[in-house]
């Protein structure tokens, strides 16, 4: 099943949010593939329709300090 999700930068600080979507390789020892990366730079920025989950996809959300 495919599950669309929406992620919002709901903070007013200068820190940015990066959303990365990975596809599992399914093979031991083979790294997972980055299939989409999206930067949320401003408050109220939200991810687009490329961010969704399946049984083989997962999302990693990270904070980036100002200037990076």
N, C-alpha and C. Protein backbone atom coordinates (compact mmCIF):
# COMPACT_ATOMS: atom_id res chain seq x y z
N UNK A 1 0.84 -1.18 0.00
CA UNK A 1 0.00 0.00 0.00
C UNK A 1 0.89 1.25 0.00
N UNK A 2 0.50 2.23 -0.74
CA UNK A 2 1.20 3.51 -0.77
C UNK A 2 0.52 4.48 0.18
N UNK A 3 1.30 5.14 1.01
CA UNK A 3 0.76 6.10 1.98
C UNK A 3 1.43 7.44 1.75
N UNK A 4 0.67 8.42 1.25
CA UNK A 4 1.21 9.77 1.10
C UNK A 4 1.27 10.43 2.46
N UNK A 5 2.33 11.18 2.68
CA UNK A 5 2.50 11.92 3.93
C UNK A 5 2.89 13.36 3.59
N UNK A 6 2.60 14.24 4.50
CA UNK A 6 2.94 15.65 4.32
C UNK A 6 3.76 16.07 5.54
N UNK A 7 4.90 16.69 5.29
CA UNK A 7 5.78 17.15 6.35
C UNK A 7 5.92 18.65 6.20
N UNK A 8 5.78 19.37 7.32
CA UNK A 8 5.82 20.83 7.29
C UNK A 8 6.93 21.33 8.20
N UNK A 9 7.63 22.36 7.75
CA UNK A 9 8.56 23.09 8.62
C UNK A 9 7.70 24.07 9.42
N UNK A 10 7.40 23.72 10.65
CA UNK A 10 6.48 24.53 11.45
C UNK A 10 7.22 25.39 12.48
N UNK A 11 8.47 25.70 12.20
CA UNK A 11 9.29 26.46 13.13
C UNK A 11 9.75 27.75 12.46
N UNK A 12 9.93 28.79 13.24
CA UNK A 12 10.34 30.09 12.68
C UNK A 12 11.84 30.37 12.84
N UNK A 13 12.61 29.39 13.28
CA UNK A 13 14.05 29.61 13.45
C UNK A 13 14.75 29.61 12.08
N UNK A 14 16.05 29.86 12.09
CA UNK A 14 16.85 29.86 10.87
C UNK A 14 17.29 28.46 10.46
N UNK A 15 17.00 27.46 11.29
CA UNK A 15 17.35 26.08 10.96
C UNK A 15 16.42 25.57 9.87
N UNK A 16 16.98 24.78 8.95
CA UNK A 16 16.18 24.23 7.86
C UNK A 16 15.92 22.76 8.11
N UNK A 17 14.96 22.22 7.40
CA UNK A 17 14.61 20.80 7.50
C UNK A 17 14.87 20.15 6.15
N UNK A 18 15.54 19.00 6.16
CA UNK A 18 15.75 18.25 4.93
C UNK A 18 15.01 16.92 5.07
N UNK A 19 14.24 16.59 4.05
CA UNK A 19 13.46 15.35 4.02
C UNK A 19 14.05 14.48 2.92
N UNK A 20 14.48 13.28 3.30
CA UNK A 20 15.06 12.35 2.32
C UNK A 20 14.22 11.07 2.28
N UNK A 21 13.91 10.63 1.07
CA UNK A 21 13.14 9.40 0.87
C UNK A 21 14.08 8.35 0.29
N UNK A 22 14.12 7.20 0.93
CA UNK A 22 15.01 6.10 0.51
C UNK A 22 14.19 4.90 0.07
N UNK A 23 14.74 4.17 -0.89
CA UNK A 23 14.18 2.90 -1.35
C UNK A 23 15.12 1.81 -0.83
N UNK A 24 14.56 0.83 -0.11
CA UNK A 24 15.36 -0.28 0.40
C UNK A 24 15.91 -1.10 -0.76
N UNK A 25 17.17 -1.50 -0.65
CA UNK A 25 17.78 -2.27 -1.73
C UNK A 25 17.29 -3.72 -1.73
N UNK A 26 17.00 -4.25 -0.54
CA UNK A 26 16.54 -5.63 -0.46
C UNK A 26 17.65 -6.65 -0.51
N UNK A 27 18.89 -6.18 -0.68
CA UNK A 27 20.03 -7.08 -0.75
C UNK A 27 20.98 -6.74 0.39
N UNK A 28 21.33 -7.74 1.17
CA UNK A 28 22.23 -7.50 2.31
C UNK A 28 23.57 -6.98 1.82
N UNK A 29 24.05 -5.91 2.46
CA UNK A 29 25.33 -5.33 2.11
C UNK A 29 25.25 -4.26 1.02
N UNK A 30 24.11 -4.14 0.36
CA UNK A 30 23.92 -3.11 -0.67
C UNK A 30 23.18 -1.94 -0.03
N UNK A 31 23.74 -0.73 -0.10
CA UNK A 31 23.07 0.41 0.54
C UNK A 31 21.74 0.75 -0.12
N UNK A 32 20.85 1.31 0.69
CA UNK A 32 19.57 1.78 0.17
C UNK A 32 19.79 2.98 -0.73
N UNK A 33 18.87 3.23 -1.65
CA UNK A 33 19.01 4.31 -2.64
C UNK A 33 18.21 5.53 -2.22
N UNK A 34 18.84 6.70 -2.32
CA UNK A 34 18.14 7.96 -2.11
C UNK A 34 17.34 8.25 -3.38
N UNK A 35 16.01 8.35 -3.26
CA UNK A 35 15.19 8.58 -4.44
C UNK A 35 14.60 9.99 -4.50
N UNK A 36 14.60 10.69 -3.37
CA UNK A 36 14.07 12.05 -3.37
C UNK A 36 14.63 12.80 -2.17
N UNK A 37 14.99 14.06 -2.38
CA UNK A 37 15.44 14.92 -1.29
C UNK A 37 14.77 16.27 -1.45
N UNK A 38 14.26 16.78 -0.36
CA UNK A 38 13.55 18.05 -0.41
C UNK A 38 13.95 18.90 0.79
N UNK A 39 14.27 20.17 0.53
CA UNK A 39 14.66 21.10 1.57
C UNK A 39 13.46 21.97 1.94
N UNK A 40 13.17 22.07 3.23
CA UNK A 40 12.11 22.96 3.72
C UNK A 40 12.82 24.12 4.41
N UNK A 41 12.94 25.22 3.69
CA UNK A 41 13.76 26.35 4.15
C UNK A 41 13.01 27.34 5.02
N UNK A 42 11.72 27.48 4.81
CA UNK A 42 10.95 28.54 5.46
C UNK A 42 9.78 27.96 6.25
N UNK A 43 9.32 28.70 7.26
CA UNK A 43 8.13 28.25 7.99
C UNK A 43 6.96 28.06 7.00
N UNK A 44 6.21 27.05 7.23
CA UNK A 44 5.04 26.67 6.41
C UNK A 44 5.39 25.98 5.10
N UNK A 45 6.69 25.81 4.78
CA UNK A 45 7.06 24.99 3.62
C UNK A 45 6.63 23.55 3.89
N UNK A 46 6.05 22.91 2.87
CA UNK A 46 5.61 21.53 3.01
C UNK A 46 6.15 20.70 1.86
N UNK A 47 6.27 19.41 2.11
CA UNK A 47 6.74 18.49 1.08
C UNK A 47 5.72 18.36 -0.03
N UNK A 48 6.20 17.94 -1.20
CA UNK A 48 5.31 17.76 -2.35
C UNK A 48 4.84 16.30 -2.43
N UNK A 49 4.22 15.93 -3.53
CA UNK A 49 3.65 14.59 -3.70
C UNK A 49 4.70 13.50 -3.88
N UNK A 50 5.97 13.85 -3.94
CA UNK A 50 7.04 12.86 -4.09
C UNK A 50 7.35 12.16 -2.77
N UNK A 51 6.80 12.66 -1.68
CA UNK A 51 7.07 12.08 -0.37
C UNK A 51 5.94 11.13 -0.01
N UNK A 52 6.23 9.83 -0.11
CA UNK A 52 5.25 8.82 0.27
C UNK A 52 5.96 7.56 0.73
N UNK A 53 5.24 6.73 1.44
CA UNK A 53 5.77 5.49 1.99
C UNK A 53 5.19 4.30 1.26
N UNK A 54 5.98 3.24 1.14
CA UNK A 54 5.51 1.94 0.68
C UNK A 54 6.19 0.91 1.57
N UNK A 55 6.00 -0.37 1.26
CA UNK A 55 6.67 -1.39 2.06
C UNK A 55 8.18 -1.39 1.85
N UNK A 56 8.65 -0.69 0.81
CA UNK A 56 10.09 -0.65 0.55
C UNK A 56 10.67 0.76 0.61
N UNK A 57 9.87 1.76 1.00
CA UNK A 57 10.35 3.14 1.10
C UNK A 57 10.28 3.61 2.54
N UNK A 58 11.23 4.47 2.90
CA UNK A 58 11.19 5.10 4.22
C UNK A 58 11.70 6.53 4.12
N UNK A 59 11.41 7.33 5.15
CA UNK A 59 11.72 8.76 5.16
C UNK A 59 12.64 9.06 6.33
N UNK A 60 13.65 9.90 6.07
CA UNK A 60 14.54 10.39 7.12
C UNK A 60 14.41 11.91 7.12
N UNK A 61 14.12 12.48 8.29
CA UNK A 61 13.95 13.93 8.43
C UNK A 61 15.07 14.44 9.33
N UNK A 62 15.79 15.47 8.85
CA UNK A 62 16.92 16.00 9.60
C UNK A 62 16.84 17.52 9.67
N UNK A 63 17.50 18.07 10.67
CA UNK A 63 17.59 19.51 10.82
C UNK A 63 18.98 19.95 10.36
N UNK A 64 19.03 21.04 9.61
CA UNK A 64 20.31 21.60 9.18
C UNK A 64 20.49 22.98 9.79
N UNK A 65 21.65 23.25 10.35
CA UNK A 65 21.88 24.57 10.94
C UNK A 65 21.96 25.65 9.86
N UNK A 66 21.77 26.89 10.25
CA UNK A 66 21.86 27.99 9.29
C UNK A 66 23.20 27.98 8.56
N UNK A 67 23.16 28.29 7.27
CA UNK A 67 24.37 28.36 6.48
C UNK A 67 24.85 27.06 5.89
N UNK A 68 24.14 25.96 6.17
CA UNK A 68 24.60 24.68 5.60
C UNK A 68 23.74 24.25 4.42
